[in-house]
Structures are given as structure tokens and as C-alpha cells.
Amino acid sequence: MPRPKSKVESALLAKGFQKTEKDHHYFIYFTTDGKKTTAKTKTSHSKKIKDIPDNILRQMAKQCFLTKTEFLNFVDCPLNREMYEDILQEKGILNPSDT
């Protein structure tokens, strides 16, 4: 189910992603200790795009090392930053010493 772009961007920023502006809005994840990770995604600058469709949400989830369901939980709030870092550790993206 599509999600509002503003809601997705707000959730990313609230849970440790930092935004950079280039040809798109880029979001790069930093751990609670401030370490940059390989988890990153992007959204369009276009003001025409109000909602992010399912196929793009699936791509964003993959870029963040999550399933689509996990990513939607991340956006909708049941999955918090600590839980996200646990998932990244389980998948070998983060070492326990990185958090």
C-alpha cells in the first residue's frame, strides 16, 4: 500500500537517517554512535509525487536491508531505531561494536 512521501521521509529522519540534497533527496543511515553505514535510500525532488508506490517502497526497503513489511513497519513506527540496528546486526551489515 503506498505511503505519503512526507511520512516516509520523516520516519527516515526520525530514526537515524541523514538527508543530503543532490539530484534526489538522499538518506544515509548513521548508527546511534554516529557511524555512517551502507544503508541508504533516496526519494524524488518532484513536488508532483505525493505518495510513494509499492514498487518503489520495495526498492527502498531493499536499499535499507529490510523486507518490504519491515520497511513499512519502520515507516509506520512499530519498528524503532534500536530494532532496526538489531536487524542490521543480524544481517551482518553492522557489527555489535558499531552501535
N, C-alpha and C. Protein backbone atom coordinates (compact mmCIF):
# COMPACT_ATOMS: atom_id res chain seq x y z
N MET A 1 0.84 -1.18 0.00
CA MET A 1 0.00 0.00 0.00
C MET A 1 0.89 1.25 0.00
N PRO A 2 0.68 2.19 -0.89
CA PRO A 2 1.50 3.40 -0.97
C PRO A 2 1.52 4.18 0.35
N ARG A 3 2.60 4.91 0.54
CA ARG A 3 2.74 5.76 1.73
C ARG A 3 3.05 7.19 1.27
N PRO A 4 2.57 8.18 2.01
CA PRO A 4 2.90 9.58 1.67
C PRO A 4 4.42 9.79 1.74
N LYS A 5 4.95 10.46 0.73
CA LYS A 5 6.39 10.72 0.68
C LYS A 5 6.85 11.45 1.93
N SER A 6 6.07 12.41 2.40
CA SER A 6 6.46 13.18 3.59
C SER A 6 6.56 12.28 4.82
N LYS A 7 5.67 11.30 4.93
CA LYS A 7 5.69 10.38 6.07
C LYS A 7 6.93 9.49 6.02
N VAL A 8 7.27 9.00 4.83
CA VAL A 8 8.45 8.15 4.67
C VAL A 8 9.71 8.95 5.01
N GLU A 9 9.82 10.15 4.47
CA GLU A 9 11.00 10.98 4.74
C GLU A 9 11.10 11.33 6.22
N SER A 10 10.00 11.66 6.85
CA SER A 10 10.01 11.99 8.29
C SER A 10 10.45 10.80 9.13
N ALA A 11 9.96 9.61 8.78
CA ALA A 11 10.34 8.40 9.52
C ALA A 11 11.83 8.12 9.38
N LEU A 12 12.36 8.27 8.17
CA LEU A 12 13.79 8.05 7.95
C LEU A 12 14.61 9.01 8.81
N LEU A 13 14.25 10.28 8.79
CA LEU A 13 15.00 11.28 9.56
C LEU A 13 14.87 11.06 11.06
N ALA A 14 13.71 10.65 11.52
CA ALA A 14 13.48 10.45 12.95
C ALA A 14 14.23 9.23 13.48
N LYS A 15 14.60 8.32 12.59
CA LYS A 15 15.20 7.06 13.04
C LYS A 15 16.64 6.89 12.60
N GLY A 16 17.35 8.00 12.44
CA GLY A 16 18.79 7.93 12.26
C GLY A 16 19.34 8.17 10.87
N PHE A 17 18.47 8.37 9.89
CA PHE A 17 18.97 8.68 8.55
C PHE A 17 19.22 10.18 8.46
N GLN A 18 20.25 10.54 7.72
CA GLN A 18 20.55 11.95 7.50
C GLN A 18 20.35 12.25 6.02
N LYS A 19 19.83 13.43 5.75
CA LYS A 19 19.44 13.80 4.39
C LYS A 19 20.52 14.64 3.72
N THR A 20 20.80 14.33 2.46
CA THR A 20 21.66 15.17 1.63
C THR A 20 20.89 15.52 0.37
N GLU A 21 21.15 16.68 -0.15
CA GLU A 21 20.45 17.16 -1.34
C GLU A 21 21.37 17.11 -2.55
N LYS A 22 20.95 16.40 -3.56
CA LYS A 22 21.65 16.38 -4.85
C LYS A 22 20.56 16.36 -5.91
N ASP A 23 20.64 15.42 -6.85
CA ASP A 23 19.58 15.32 -7.86
C ASP A 23 18.32 14.69 -7.28
N HIS A 24 18.45 14.04 -6.12
CA HIS A 24 17.33 13.48 -5.36
C HIS A 24 17.57 13.84 -3.89
N HIS A 25 16.61 13.49 -3.04
CA HIS A 25 16.83 13.57 -1.60
C HIS A 25 17.47 12.24 -1.20
N TYR A 26 18.71 12.26 -0.76
CA TYR A 26 19.39 11.04 -0.35
C TYR A 26 19.35 10.92 1.16
N PHE A 27 19.16 9.71 1.65
CA PHE A 27 19.10 9.43 3.08
C PHE A 27 20.12 8.35 3.39
N ILE A 28 21.08 8.64 4.27
CA ILE A 28 22.12 7.70 4.65
C ILE A 28 21.98 7.43 6.13
N TYR A 29 22.05 6.13 6.51
CA TYR A 29 21.85 5.77 7.91
C TYR A 29 23.14 5.92 8.71
N PHE A 30 23.03 6.55 9.86
CA PHE A 30 24.12 6.66 10.82
C PHE A 30 23.68 5.98 12.11
N THR A 31 24.57 5.18 12.71
CA THR A 31 24.24 4.47 13.94
C THR A 31 24.03 5.46 15.09
N THR A 32 23.58 4.94 16.22
CA THR A 32 23.38 5.80 17.39
C THR A 32 24.71 6.39 17.85
N ASP A 33 25.84 5.76 17.47
CA ASP A 33 27.16 6.30 17.80
C ASP A 33 27.69 7.23 16.72
N GLY A 34 26.87 7.51 15.71
CA GLY A 34 27.27 8.44 14.67
C GLY A 34 28.10 7.85 13.54
N LYS A 35 28.17 6.52 13.45
CA LYS A 35 28.95 5.89 12.38
C LYS A 35 28.10 5.73 11.13
N LYS A 36 28.68 6.12 10.00
CA LYS A 36 27.99 6.01 8.71
C LYS A 36 27.91 4.54 8.31
N THR A 37 26.78 4.13 7.73
CA THR A 37 26.59 2.75 7.30
C THR A 37 26.36 2.70 5.79
N THR A 38 26.20 1.49 5.27
CA THR A 38 25.90 1.33 3.85
C THR A 38 24.41 1.37 3.57
N ALA A 39 23.59 1.48 4.60
CA ALA A 39 22.13 1.58 4.43
C ALA A 39 21.79 2.98 3.93
N LYS A 40 21.19 3.05 2.77
CA LYS A 40 20.84 4.35 2.20
C LYS A 40 19.69 4.18 1.22
N THR A 41 19.00 5.25 0.97
CA THR A 41 17.91 5.25 0.01
C THR A 41 17.71 6.67 -0.49
N LYS A 42 16.74 6.87 -1.36
CA LYS A 42 16.51 8.21 -1.89
C LYS A 42 15.04 8.39 -2.25
N THR A 43 14.63 9.65 -2.32
CA THR A 43 13.30 10.00 -2.81
C THR A 43 13.47 11.11 -3.85
N SER A 44 12.45 11.30 -4.62
CA SER A 44 12.47 12.29 -5.69
C SER A 44 12.24 13.70 -5.15
N HIS A 45 12.83 14.68 -5.83
CA HIS A 45 12.56 16.09 -5.53
C HIS A 45 11.19 16.52 -6.02
N SER A 46 10.63 15.80 -6.97
CA SER A 46 9.40 16.21 -7.65
C SER A 46 8.27 16.50 -6.67
N LYS A 47 7.68 17.65 -6.82
CA LYS A 47 6.54 18.02 -5.98
C LYS A 47 5.27 17.31 -6.45
N LYS A 48 5.30 16.76 -7.66
CA LYS A 48 4.15 16.03 -8.20
C LYS A 48 3.93 14.72 -7.45
N ILE A 49 5.01 14.16 -6.94
CA ILE A 49 4.92 12.86 -6.28
C ILE A 49 4.55 13.06 -4.81
N LYS A 50 3.33 12.74 -4.49
CA LYS A 50 2.82 12.88 -3.12
C LYS A 50 2.93 11.56 -2.36
N ASP A 51 2.67 10.45 -3.07
CA ASP A 51 2.73 9.12 -2.46
C ASP A 51 3.79 8.28 -3.15
N ILE A 52 4.45 7.44 -2.36
CA ILE A 52 5.45 6.53 -2.90
C ILE A 52 4.75 5.20 -3.17
N PRO A 53 4.75 4.73 -4.43
CA PRO A 53 4.05 3.49 -4.76
C PRO A 53 4.76 2.25 -4.23
N ASP A 54 4.02 1.14 -4.20
CA ASP A 54 4.53 -0.11 -3.65
C ASP A 54 5.85 -0.56 -4.26
N ASN A 55 5.97 -0.48 -5.58
CA ASN A 55 7.21 -0.96 -6.20
C ASN A 55 8.43 -0.16 -5.75
N ILE A 56 8.26 1.13 -5.53
CA ILE A 56 9.36 1.97 -5.04
C ILE A 56 9.61 1.70 -3.56
N LEU A 57 8.57 1.50 -2.78
CA LEU A 57 8.75 1.15 -1.36
C LEU A 57 9.55 -0.14 -1.23
N ARG A 58 9.28 -1.10 -2.12
CA ARG A 58 10.02 -2.37 -2.11
C ARG A 58 11.51 -2.12 -2.39
N GLN A 59 11.80 -1.24 -3.35
CA GLN A 59 13.20 -0.91 -3.66
C GLN A 59 13.86 -0.19 -2.49
N MET A 60 13.14 0.72 -1.87
CA MET A 60 13.68 1.45 -0.72
C MET A 60 13.98 0.48 0.42
N ALA A 61 13.08 -0.47 0.64
CA ALA A 61 13.28 -1.47 1.69
C ALA A 61 14.57 -2.24 1.44
N LYS A 62 14.76 -2.68 0.22
CA LYS A 62 15.96 -3.44 -0.14
C LYS A 62 17.22 -2.61 0.11
N GLN A 63 17.19 -1.34 -0.27
CA GLN A 63 18.34 -0.45 -0.06
C GLN A 63 18.66 -0.27 1.42
N CYS A 64 17.64 -0.39 2.26
CA CYS A 64 17.80 -0.24 3.71
C CYS A 64 18.01 -1.59 4.40
N PHE A 65 18.14 -2.66 3.61
CA PHE A 65 18.36 -4.02 4.11
C PHE A 65 17.18 -4.54 4.92
N LEU A 66 15.98 -4.21 4.49
CA LEU A 66 14.76 -4.66 5.14
C LEU A 66 13.86 -5.34 4.13
N THR A 67 12.94 -6.17 4.63
CA THR A 67 11.87 -6.65 3.77
C THR A 67 10.89 -5.49 3.61
N LYS A 68 10.00 -5.61 2.67
CA LYS A 68 9.01 -4.54 2.48
C LYS A 68 8.15 -4.39 3.73
N THR A 69 7.76 -5.52 4.33
CA THR A 69 6.95 -5.47 5.56
C THR A 69 7.70 -4.77 6.68
N GLU A 70 8.99 -5.10 6.84
CA GLU A 70 9.80 -4.44 7.87
C GLU A 70 9.90 -2.94 7.59
N PHE A 71 10.09 -2.59 6.32
CA PHE A 71 10.21 -1.17 5.97
C PHE A 71 8.92 -0.41 6.26
N LEU A 72 7.79 -1.02 5.95
CA LEU A 72 6.51 -0.37 6.25
C LEU A 72 6.33 -0.22 7.76
N ASN A 73 6.77 -1.21 8.53
CA ASN A 73 6.73 -1.09 9.99
C ASN A 73 7.68 0.01 10.46
N PHE A 74 8.79 0.18 9.78
CA PHE A 74 9.74 1.24 10.09
C PHE A 74 9.09 2.61 9.85
N VAL A 75 8.41 2.74 8.74
CA VAL A 75 7.73 4.00 8.39
C VAL A 75 6.54 4.25 9.32
N ASP A 76 5.77 3.21 9.61
CA ASP A 76 4.55 3.36 10.41
C ASP A 76 4.80 3.33 11.92
N CYS A 77 6.04 3.14 12.33
CA CYS A 77 6.52 3.27 13.71
C CYS A 77 6.62 2.01 14.58
N PRO A 78 6.00 0.88 14.30
CA PRO A 78 6.21 -0.26 15.19
C PRO A 78 7.69 -0.69 15.27
N LEU A 79 8.46 -0.46 14.20
CA LEU A 79 9.87 -0.83 14.19
C LEU A 79 10.68 0.43 14.50
N ASN A 80 11.33 0.44 15.68
CA ASN A 80 12.07 1.63 16.09
C ASN A 80 13.55 1.53 15.68
N ARG A 81 14.30 2.54 16.01
CA ARG A 81 15.72 2.60 15.61
C ARG A 81 16.53 1.46 16.21
N GLU A 82 16.30 1.16 17.48
CA GLU A 82 17.03 0.07 18.14
C GLU A 82 16.74 -1.27 17.44
N MET A 83 15.48 -1.50 17.11
CA MET A 83 15.10 -2.73 16.41
C MET A 83 15.73 -2.77 15.02
N TYR A 84 15.80 -1.62 14.36
CA TYR A 84 16.42 -1.55 13.03
C TYR A 84 17.90 -1.92 13.13
N GLU A 85 18.59 -1.38 14.12
CA GLU A 85 20.01 -1.72 14.28
C GLU A 85 20.19 -3.20 14.60
N ASP A 86 19.27 -3.79 15.37
CA ASP A 86 19.32 -5.23 15.63
C ASP A 86 19.21 -6.02 14.33
N ILE A 87 18.30 -5.61 13.45
CA ILE A 87 18.14 -6.28 12.15
C ILE A 87 19.42 -6.14 11.33
N LEU A 88 20.00 -4.95 11.31
CA LEU A 88 21.24 -4.74 10.56
C LEU A 88 22.37 -5.62 11.11
N GLN A 89 22.41 -5.80 12.43
CA GLN A 89 23.41 -6.68 13.03
C GLN A 89 23.17 -8.13 12.63
N GLU A 90 21.91 -8.58 12.70
CA GLU A 90 21.57 -9.95 12.33
C GLU A 90 21.95 -10.25 10.88
N LYS A 91 21.83 -9.26 10.02
CA LYS A 91 22.13 -9.44 8.60
C LYS A 91 23.61 -9.19 8.28
N GLY A 92 24.41 -8.87 9.30
CA GLY A 92 25.83 -8.66 9.10
C GLY A 92 26.19 -7.31 8.50
N ILE A 93 25.25 -6.39 8.47
CA ILE A 93 25.51 -5.05 7.94
C ILE A 93 26.25 -4.21 8.98
N LEU A 94 25.89 -4.39 10.24
CA LEU A 94 26.55 -3.72 11.37
C LEU A 94 27.19 -4.76 12.27
N ASN A 95 28.33 -4.42 12.82
CA ASN A 95 28.93 -5.24 13.87
C ASN A 95 28.38 -4.74 15.20
N PRO A 96 28.24 -5.63 16.20
CA PRO A 96 27.74 -5.17 17.50
C PRO A 96 28.55 -4.00 18.06
N SER A 97 29.84 -3.93 17.71
CA SER A 97 30.68 -2.83 18.21
C SER A 97 30.37 -1.50 17.52
N ASP A 98 29.60 -1.54 16.43
CA ASP A 98 29.26 -0.32 15.69
C ASP A 98 28.15 0.48 16.34
N THR A 99 27.43 -0.13 17.29
CA THR A 99 26.28 0.56 17.88
C THR A 99 26.55 0.95 19.31
